[in-house]
Amino acid sequence: MTNKKLIAGVLAGLAAGAVISLLISSRKHHSISKKMLKRANNVADDLKGKFNEFVDRLEDKFHGILK
């Protein structure tokens, strides 16, 4: 067996193992992904709200200064 065939065999085995592990654990990863996406959306919504409050306070201060 040449080195090229050995390396090709090892790489093929690694690729097959990766595909099998993804197929087996796809359900678990799907639920984790959904939870992470939900938390990320909650954080984004909180940040949007805080940013809007900050902008509103700045607008009030500038309107007070300009009057």
C-alpha atoms as a PDB file:
ATOM      1  CA  MET A   1       0.000   0.000   0.000  1.00  0.00           C
ATOM      2  CA  THR A   2       1.409   3.364  -0.998  1.00  0.00           C
ATOM      3  CA  ASN A   3       1.345   6.459   1.153  1.00  0.00           C
ATOM      4  CA  LYS A   4      -1.176   8.133  -1.183  1.00  0.00           C
ATOM      5  CA  LYS A   5      -3.624   5.252  -0.820  1.00  0.00           C
ATOM      6  CA  LEU A   6      -3.170   5.229   2.944  1.00  0.00           C
ATOM      7  CA  ILE A   7      -3.807   8.969   3.226  1.00  0.00           C
ATOM      8  CA  ALA A   8      -6.824   8.711   0.892  1.00  0.00           C
ATOM      9  CA  GLY A   9      -8.219   5.869   3.007  1.00  0.00           C
ATOM     10  CA  VAL A  10      -7.755   7.804   6.245  1.00  0.00           C
ATOM     11  CA  LEU A  11      -9.395  10.916   4.775  1.00  0.00           C
ATOM     12  CA  ALA A  12     -12.308   8.871   3.418  1.00  0.00           C
ATOM     13  CA  GLY A  13     -12.766   7.261   6.842  1.00  0.00           C
ATOM     14  CA  LEU A  14     -12.738  10.638   8.569  1.00  0.00           C
ATOM     15  CA  ALA A  15     -15.278  12.033   6.120  1.00  0.00           C
ATOM     16  CA  ALA A  16     -17.554   9.013   6.559  1.00  0.00           C
ATOM     17  CA  GLY A  17     -17.297   9.306  10.337  1.00  0.00           C
ATOM     18  CA  ALA A  18     -18.168  12.997  10.207  1.00  0.00           C
ATOM     19  CA  VAL A  19     -21.241  12.346   8.049  1.00  0.00           C
ATOM     20  CA  ILE A  20     -22.426   9.514  10.295  1.00  0.00           C
ATOM     21  CA  SER A  21     -21.972  11.605  13.440  1.00  0.00           C
ATOM     22  CA  LEU A  22     -23.954  14.469  11.892  1.00  0.00           C
ATOM     23  CA  LEU A  23     -26.770  12.129  10.922  1.00  0.00           C
ATOM     24  CA  ILE A  24     -26.915  10.573  14.384  1.00  0.00           C
ATOM     25  CA  SER A  25     -26.789  13.804  16.338  1.00  0.00           C
ATOM     26  CA  SER A  26     -28.827  16.037  14.023  1.00  0.00           C
ATOM     27  CA  ARG A  27     -31.887  15.965  16.281  1.00  0.00           C
ATOM     28  CA  LYS A  28     -29.909  17.067  19.300  1.00  0.00           C
ATOM     29  CA  HIS A  29     -28.174  19.833  17.363  1.00  0.00           C
ATOM     30  CA  HIS A  30     -31.486  20.994  15.924  1.00  0.00           C
ATOM     31  CA  SER A  31     -33.003  21.520  19.370  1.00  0.00           C
ATOM     32  CA  ILE A  32     -29.838  23.242  20.596  1.00  0.00           C
ATOM     33  CA  SER A  33     -29.865  25.493  17.535  1.00  0.00           C
ATOM     34  CA  LYS A  34     -33.499  26.427  18.133  1.00  0.00           C
ATOM     35  CA  LYS A  35     -32.767  27.312  21.769  1.00  0.00           C
ATOM     36  CA  MET A  36     -29.722  29.381  20.806  1.00  0.00           C
ATOM     37  CA  LEU A  37     -31.687  31.213  18.108  1.00  0.00           C
ATOM     38  CA  LYS A  38     -34.505  31.968  20.544  1.00  0.00           C
ATOM     39  CA  ARG A  39     -32.057  33.347  23.128  1.00  0.00           C
ATOM     40  CA  ALA A  40     -30.260  35.383  20.470  1.00  0.00           C
ATOM     41  CA  ASN A  41     -33.568  36.894  19.350  1.00  0.00           C
ATOM     42  CA  ASN A  42     -34.436  37.764  22.959  1.00  0.00           C
ATOM     43  CA  VAL A  43     -31.067  39.460  23.439  1.00  0.00           C
ATOM     44  CA  ALA A  44     -31.481  41.344  20.162  1.00  0.00           C
ATOM     45  CA  ASP A  45     -34.945  42.525  21.177  1.00  0.00           C
ATOM     46  CA  ASP A  46     -33.635  43.700  24.561  1.00  0.00           C
ATOM     47  CA  LEU A  47     -30.787  45.583  22.902  1.00  0.00           C
ATOM     48  CA  LYS A  48     -33.157  47.229  20.426  1.00  0.00           C
ATOM     49  CA  GLY A  49     -35.381  48.379  23.269  1.00  0.00           C
ATOM     50  CA  LYS A  50     -32.483  49.768  25.274  1.00  0.00           C
ATOM     51  CA  PHE A  51     -31.059  51.513  22.210  1.00  0.00           C
ATOM     52  CA  ASN A  52     -34.425  53.092  21.411  1.00  0.00           C
ATOM     53  CA  GLU A  53     -34.730  54.319  25.012  1.00  0.00           C
ATOM     54  CA  PHE A  54     -31.218  55.783  24.779  1.00  0.00           C
ATOM     55  CA  VAL A  55     -32.054  57.569  21.521  1.00  0.00           C
ATOM     56  CA  ASP A  56     -35.270  58.927  23.020  1.00  0.00           C
ATOM     57  CA  ARG A  57     -33.373  60.297  26.036  1.00  0.00           C
ATOM     58  CA  LEU A  58     -30.790  61.920  23.769  1.00  0.00           C
ATOM     59  CA  GLU A  59     -33.512  63.495  21.648  1.00  0.00           C
ATOM     60  CA  ASP A  60     -35.194  64.886  24.779  1.00  0.00           C
ATOM     61  CA  LYS A  61     -31.903  66.355  25.995  1.00  0.00           C
ATOM     62  CA  PHE A  62     -31.100  67.952  22.631  1.00  0.00           C
ATOM     63  CA  HIS A  63     -34.600  69.370  22.291  1.00  0.00           C
ATOM     64  CA  GLY A  64     -34.213  70.843  25.777  1.00  0.00           C
ATOM     65  CA  ILE A  65     -30.885  72.412  24.844  1.00  0.00           C
ATOM     66  CA  LEU A  66     -32.105  73.808  21.518  1.00  0.00           C
ATOM     67  CA  LYS A  67     -35.251  75.445  22.975  1.00  0.00           C
END
